[in-house]
């Protein structure tokens, strides 16, 4: 069970990093980068949003981005700067 937690934590951190860099690409590409299905990606995005992250999609650059400053705390918690 601990191994799975580390995997989820590292996946959330990587997801945050890609969104912060505006390097997600379209949804299918983003889910492939994370090694998850598109439906799982939708759940992760919902998780971020439910924890106060303002995530939007830029149709011109084909990437998700944060609408304000967000910071990852301890790998899974979130805090506004």
Protein backbone atom coordinates (compact mmCIF):
# COMPACT_ATOMS: atom_id res chain seq x y z
CA UNK A 1 0.00 0.00 0.00
CA UNK A 2 2.85 2.42 0.78
CA UNK A 3 4.33 1.85 -2.70
CA UNK A 4 1.03 2.84 -4.29
CA UNK A 5 0.96 6.04 -2.20
CA UNK A 6 4.44 6.97 -3.38
CA UNK A 7 3.34 6.40 -6.98
CA UNK A 8 0.26 8.60 -6.58
CA UNK A 9 2.27 11.28 -4.79
CA UNK A 10 4.96 11.36 -7.46
CA UNK A 11 2.30 11.38 -10.19
CA UNK A 12 0.54 14.36 -8.58
CA UNK A 13 3.87 16.19 -8.30
CA UNK A 14 4.69 15.49 -11.96
CA UNK A 15 1.21 16.56 -13.00
CA UNK A 16 1.63 19.81 -11.04
CA UNK A 17 5.03 20.37 -12.67
CA UNK A 18 3.64 19.91 -16.20
CA UNK A 19 0.72 22.25 -15.54
CA UNK A 20 3.04 24.85 -14.01
CA UNK A 21 5.32 24.69 -17.07
CA UNK A 22 2.30 24.75 -19.41
CA UNK A 23 3.65 21.56 -20.95
CA UNK A 24 0.65 19.25 -20.68
CA UNK A 25 -0.50 19.13 -24.28
CA UNK A 26 -4.00 17.97 -25.12
CA UNK A 27 -5.83 15.59 -22.78
CA UNK A 28 -4.78 12.33 -24.52
CA UNK A 29 -1.12 13.43 -24.59
CA UNK A 30 -1.26 14.61 -20.97
CA UNK A 31 -2.69 11.29 -19.79
CA UNK A 32 0.01 9.37 -21.72
CA UNK A 33 2.74 11.50 -20.08
CA UNK A 34 1.33 10.50 -16.69
CA UNK A 35 0.79 6.86 -17.66
CA UNK A 36 -2.92 6.96 -16.83
CA UNK A 37 -6.23 6.87 -18.70
CA UNK A 38 -8.05 10.03 -19.73
CA UNK A 39 -10.80 9.26 -17.22
CA UNK A 40 -8.19 8.99 -14.44
CA UNK A 41 -6.73 12.29 -15.59
CA UNK A 42 -10.18 13.86 -15.26
CA UNK A 43 -10.35 12.56 -11.67
CA UNK A 44 -6.91 13.99 -10.86
CA UNK A 45 -7.90 17.37 -12.34
CA UNK A 46 -11.06 17.30 -10.22
CA UNK A 47 -8.92 16.50 -7.17
CA UNK A 48 -6.72 19.53 -7.86
CA UNK A 49 -9.73 21.78 -8.38
CA UNK A 50 -11.49 20.50 -5.26
CA UNK A 51 -8.36 21.45 -3.30
CA UNK A 52 -8.44 25.08 -4.44
CA UNK A 53 -6.31 24.90 -7.57
CA UNK A 54 -7.56 27.10 -10.40
CA UNK A 55 -6.75 25.07 -13.50
CA UNK A 56 -7.75 26.29 -16.95
CA UNK A 57 -7.08 25.12 -20.49
CA UNK A 58 -5.36 27.30 -23.09
CA UNK A 59 -6.80 26.37 -26.49
CA UNK A 60 -4.17 28.38 -28.40
CA UNK A 61 -1.20 26.65 -26.75
CA UNK A 62 -3.03 23.34 -26.12
CA UNK A 63 -2.06 23.11 -22.47
CA UNK A 64 -3.54 23.25 -18.99
CA UNK A 65 -2.25 26.04 -16.76
CA UNK A 66 -2.77 27.48 -13.29
CA UNK A 67 -4.85 30.65 -13.24
CA UNK A 68 -3.04 31.83 -10.09
CA UNK A 69 0.02 30.94 -8.01
CA UNK A 70 -0.15 27.47 -6.50
CA UNK A 71 2.44 25.59 -4.54
CA UNK A 72 2.73 21.90 -3.69
CA UNK A 73 3.29 21.25 0.02
CA UNK A 74 4.56 17.81 1.14
CA UNK A 75 3.81 16.31 -2.26
CA UNK A 76 0.04 16.05 -1.87
CA UNK A 77 -1.23 19.15 -0.09
CA UNK A 78 -1.77 22.46 -1.80
CA UNK A 79 -1.36 26.02 -0.67
CA UNK A 80 -1.77 29.38 -2.38
CA UNK A 81 1.33 31.56 -2.45
